[in-house]
């Protein structure tokens, strides 16, 4: 997952669905020799923090994730008629 700066890029070693209310996936990545867990939720990459973002952060903390990462939603193009 690429963040705003290339140096902040995270290469996941595993990505699995997560049965949460707001968290939709668990990503695992290495930070040095340590394996870390990222809670991934569909939401804006930039902008103002909303109540939904805070609820996702609470859900991630309760599940003992190391970080919370937004995965920007992708709109589906409307077919031409």
N, C-alpha and C. Protein backbone atom coordinates (compact mmCIF):
# COMPACT_ATOMS: atom_id res chain seq x y z
N UNK A 1 0.86 -1.16 0.00
CA UNK A 1 0.00 0.00 0.00
C UNK A 1 0.90 1.22 0.00
N UNK A 2 0.68 2.13 -0.93
CA UNK A 2 1.49 3.33 -1.07
C UNK A 2 0.82 4.47 -0.32
N UNK A 3 1.56 5.13 0.54
CA UNK A 3 1.07 6.32 1.23
C UNK A 3 1.47 7.55 0.42
N UNK A 4 1.37 8.71 1.00
CA UNK A 4 1.68 9.96 0.30
C UNK A 4 3.13 10.00 -0.18
N UNK A 5 4.03 9.43 0.61
CA UNK A 5 5.45 9.43 0.25
C UNK A 5 5.89 8.00 -0.04
N UNK A 6 6.72 7.83 -1.07
CA UNK A 6 7.19 6.50 -1.46
C UNK A 6 7.87 5.75 -0.32
N UNK A 7 8.56 6.48 0.55
CA UNK A 7 9.27 5.85 1.66
C UNK A 7 8.31 5.21 2.66
N UNK A 8 7.04 5.63 2.63
CA UNK A 8 6.04 5.10 3.57
C UNK A 8 5.29 3.90 3.00
N UNK A 9 5.76 3.35 1.90
CA UNK A 9 5.10 2.21 1.26
C UNK A 9 5.18 0.97 2.15
N UNK A 10 4.08 0.23 2.22
CA UNK A 10 4.03 -1.01 2.99
C UNK A 10 3.75 -2.16 2.03
N UNK A 11 4.61 -3.17 2.06
CA UNK A 11 4.41 -4.39 1.27
C UNK A 11 3.84 -5.46 2.19
N UNK A 12 2.59 -5.83 1.95
CA UNK A 12 1.96 -6.84 2.79
C UNK A 12 2.49 -8.23 2.44
N UNK A 13 2.70 -9.05 3.46
CA UNK A 13 3.08 -10.44 3.25
C UNK A 13 1.85 -11.33 3.30
N UNK A 14 0.75 -10.80 3.82
CA UNK A 14 -0.52 -11.52 3.86
C UNK A 14 -1.65 -10.50 3.94
N UNK A 15 -2.77 -10.83 3.33
CA UNK A 15 -3.96 -9.99 3.37
C UNK A 15 -5.16 -10.92 3.43
N UNK A 16 -5.92 -10.82 4.51
CA UNK A 16 -7.06 -11.72 4.74
C UNK A 16 -8.30 -10.91 5.08
N UNK A 17 -9.48 -11.38 4.71
CA UNK A 17 -10.72 -10.72 5.12
C UNK A 17 -10.83 -10.71 6.65
N UNK A 18 -11.48 -9.68 7.19
CA UNK A 18 -11.65 -9.57 8.64
C UNK A 18 -13.15 -9.41 8.91
N UNK A 19 -13.70 -10.17 9.85
CA UNK A 19 -15.14 -10.14 10.10
C UNK A 19 -15.60 -9.01 11.01
N UNK A 20 -15.04 -7.84 10.85
CA UNK A 20 -15.40 -6.72 11.72
C UNK A 20 -16.58 -5.93 11.19
N UNK A 21 -16.98 -4.96 11.98
CA UNK A 21 -18.08 -4.09 11.58
C UNK A 21 -17.57 -3.02 10.60
N UNK A 22 -16.41 -2.43 10.89
CA UNK A 22 -15.82 -1.41 10.02
C UNK A 22 -14.51 -1.86 9.39
N UNK A 23 -13.75 -2.67 10.11
CA UNK A 23 -12.50 -3.21 9.57
C UNK A 23 -12.88 -4.32 8.59
N UNK A 24 -12.36 -4.23 7.36
CA UNK A 24 -12.75 -5.23 6.35
C UNK A 24 -11.63 -6.22 6.04
N UNK A 25 -10.38 -5.91 6.46
CA UNK A 25 -9.27 -6.82 6.16
C UNK A 25 -8.16 -6.66 7.18
N UNK A 26 -7.38 -7.74 7.30
CA UNK A 26 -6.18 -7.73 8.14
C UNK A 26 -4.99 -7.90 7.21
N UNK A 27 -4.08 -6.95 7.25
CA UNK A 27 -2.85 -7.05 6.48
C UNK A 27 -1.68 -7.31 7.41
N UNK A 28 -0.80 -8.19 7.01
CA UNK A 28 0.42 -8.45 7.81
C UNK A 28 1.61 -7.99 7.00
N UNK A 29 2.56 -7.34 7.69
CA UNK A 29 3.76 -6.83 7.03
C UNK A 29 4.93 -6.90 8.00
N UNK A 30 6.13 -6.81 7.45
CA UNK A 30 7.33 -6.86 8.28
C UNK A 30 7.85 -5.45 8.51
N UNK A 31 8.22 -5.19 9.75
CA UNK A 31 8.89 -3.95 10.12
C UNK A 31 10.19 -4.38 10.76
N UNK A 32 11.26 -4.40 9.96
CA UNK A 32 12.50 -5.02 10.41
C UNK A 32 12.27 -6.51 10.46
N UNK A 33 12.54 -7.13 11.62
CA UNK A 33 12.31 -8.57 11.78
C UNK A 33 10.95 -8.86 12.42
N UNK A 34 10.22 -7.80 12.81
CA UNK A 34 8.94 -7.97 13.50
C UNK A 34 7.77 -7.99 12.53
N UNK A 35 6.86 -8.95 12.73
CA UNK A 35 5.63 -8.99 11.95
C UNK A 35 4.60 -8.10 12.62
N UNK A 36 3.97 -7.23 11.84
CA UNK A 36 2.97 -6.29 12.34
C UNK A 36 1.63 -6.57 11.67
N UNK A 37 0.55 -6.14 12.33
CA UNK A 37 -0.80 -6.32 11.81
C UNK A 37 -1.43 -4.95 11.53
N UNK A 38 -2.00 -4.81 10.35
CA UNK A 38 -2.69 -3.58 9.97
C UNK A 38 -4.17 -3.85 9.80
N UNK A 39 -4.98 -3.04 10.45
CA UNK A 39 -6.43 -3.09 10.25
C UNK A 39 -6.74 -2.20 9.05
N UNK A 40 -7.46 -2.73 8.07
CA UNK A 40 -7.75 -1.98 6.85
C UNK A 40 -9.24 -1.72 6.78
N UNK A 41 -9.59 -0.46 6.56
CA UNK A 41 -10.99 -0.11 6.41
C UNK A 41 -11.17 0.76 5.17
N UNK A 42 -12.37 0.70 4.59
CA UNK A 42 -12.68 1.49 3.41
C UNK A 42 -13.03 2.89 3.90
N UNK A 43 -12.26 3.85 3.44
CA UNK A 43 -12.49 5.23 3.86
C UNK A 43 -11.55 6.17 3.17
N UNK A 44 -11.68 7.46 3.45
CA UNK A 44 -10.84 8.44 2.78
C UNK A 44 -9.40 8.38 3.24
N UNK A 45 -8.49 8.55 2.29
CA UNK A 45 -7.06 8.55 2.61
C UNK A 45 -6.66 9.87 3.25
N UNK A 46 -7.30 10.95 2.84
CA UNK A 46 -7.01 12.28 3.35
C UNK A 46 -8.30 12.93 3.80
N UNK A 47 -8.21 13.98 4.59
CA UNK A 47 -9.40 14.72 4.97
C UNK A 47 -9.62 14.72 6.47
N UNK A 48 -10.76 15.23 6.84
CA UNK A 48 -11.12 15.38 8.24
C UNK A 48 -11.48 14.03 8.85
N UNK A 49 -11.06 13.81 10.07
CA UNK A 49 -11.40 12.59 10.79
C UNK A 49 -12.88 12.66 11.17
N UNK A 50 -13.60 11.57 10.88
CA UNK A 50 -15.04 11.53 11.18
C UNK A 50 -15.29 10.55 12.33
N UNK A 51 -16.53 10.50 12.78
CA UNK A 51 -16.89 9.56 13.84
C UNK A 51 -16.71 8.11 13.39
N UNK A 52 -16.94 7.85 12.12
CA UNK A 52 -16.74 6.49 11.59
C UNK A 52 -15.26 6.12 11.69
N UNK A 53 -14.37 7.07 11.38
CA UNK A 53 -12.93 6.81 11.50
C UNK A 53 -12.57 6.49 12.95
N UNK A 54 -13.15 7.21 13.89
CA UNK A 54 -12.87 6.97 15.31
C UNK A 54 -13.40 5.61 15.74
N UNK A 55 -14.57 5.23 15.23
CA UNK A 55 -15.12 3.92 15.55
C UNK A 55 -14.24 2.81 14.97
N UNK A 56 -13.71 3.02 13.76
CA UNK A 56 -12.79 2.03 13.16
C UNK A 56 -11.52 1.94 13.99
N UNK A 57 -11.02 3.06 14.48
CA UNK A 57 -9.82 3.06 15.33
C UNK A 57 -10.08 2.30 16.63
N UNK A 58 -11.25 2.47 17.20
CA UNK A 58 -11.61 1.75 18.42
C UNK A 58 -11.68 0.25 18.16
N UNK A 59 -12.31 -0.12 17.04
CA UNK A 59 -12.40 -1.54 16.67
C UNK A 59 -11.01 -2.14 16.46
N UNK A 60 -10.12 -1.39 15.81
CA UNK A 60 -8.75 -1.87 15.58
C UNK A 60 -8.00 -2.03 16.89
N UNK A 61 -8.17 -1.09 17.79
CA UNK A 61 -7.48 -1.16 19.10
C UNK A 61 -7.99 -2.35 19.90
N UNK A 62 -9.30 -2.59 19.89
CA UNK A 62 -9.87 -3.71 20.64
C UNK A 62 -9.38 -5.05 20.10
N UNK A 63 -9.06 -5.11 18.78
CA UNK A 63 -8.57 -6.36 18.18
C UNK A 63 -7.04 -6.42 18.21
N UNK A 64 -6.41 -5.46 18.87
CA UNK A 64 -4.95 -5.44 19.07
C UNK A 64 -4.15 -5.32 17.77
N UNK A 65 -4.66 -4.55 16.80
CA UNK A 65 -3.90 -4.26 15.59
C UNK A 65 -2.81 -3.25 15.92
N UNK A 66 -1.75 -3.24 15.11
CA UNK A 66 -0.66 -2.29 15.31
C UNK A 66 -0.96 -0.93 14.68
N UNK A 67 -1.61 -0.95 13.52
CA UNK A 67 -1.94 0.30 12.81
C UNK A 67 -3.31 0.18 12.15
N UNK A 68 -3.90 1.32 11.84
CA UNK A 68 -5.16 1.40 11.10
C UNK A 68 -4.86 2.11 9.79
N UNK A 69 -5.25 1.48 8.67
CA UNK A 69 -4.95 2.05 7.36
C UNK A 69 -6.23 2.16 6.53
N UNK A 70 -6.49 3.35 5.98
CA UNK A 70 -7.64 3.47 5.09
C UNK A 70 -7.29 2.94 3.71
N UNK A 71 -8.23 2.27 3.10
CA UNK A 71 -8.13 1.86 1.69
C UNK A 71 -9.17 2.68 0.96
N UNK A 72 -8.76 3.66 0.19
CA UNK A 72 -9.75 4.53 -0.48
C UNK A 72 -10.74 3.71 -1.30
N UNK A 73 -11.99 4.07 -1.20
CA UNK A 73 -13.01 3.37 -1.98
C UNK A 73 -12.86 3.72 -3.44
N UNK A 74 -13.19 2.78 -4.27
CA UNK A 74 -13.08 2.96 -5.72
C UNK A 74 -14.49 2.93 -6.29
N UNK A 75 -14.84 3.95 -7.02
CA UNK A 75 -16.18 3.96 -7.60
C UNK A 75 -16.19 3.11 -8.87
N UNK A 76 -17.31 2.46 -9.09
CA UNK A 76 -17.48 1.64 -10.28
C UNK A 76 -18.05 2.50 -11.38
N UNK A 77 -17.42 2.51 -12.57
CA UNK A 77 -17.94 3.34 -13.65
C UNK A 77 -19.34 2.87 -14.07
N UNK A 78 -20.17 3.83 -14.42
CA UNK A 78 -21.52 3.52 -14.89
C UNK A 78 -21.44 3.10 -16.35
N UNK A 79 -22.03 1.95 -16.71
CA UNK A 79 -21.98 1.51 -18.10
C UNK A 79 -22.70 2.49 -19.01
N UNK A 80 -22.18 2.65 -20.20
CA UNK A 80 -22.79 3.53 -21.20
C UNK A 80 -24.09 2.87 -21.70
N UNK A 81 -25.08 3.70 -21.95
CA UNK A 81 -26.35 3.16 -22.47
C UNK A 81 -26.55 3.48 -23.91
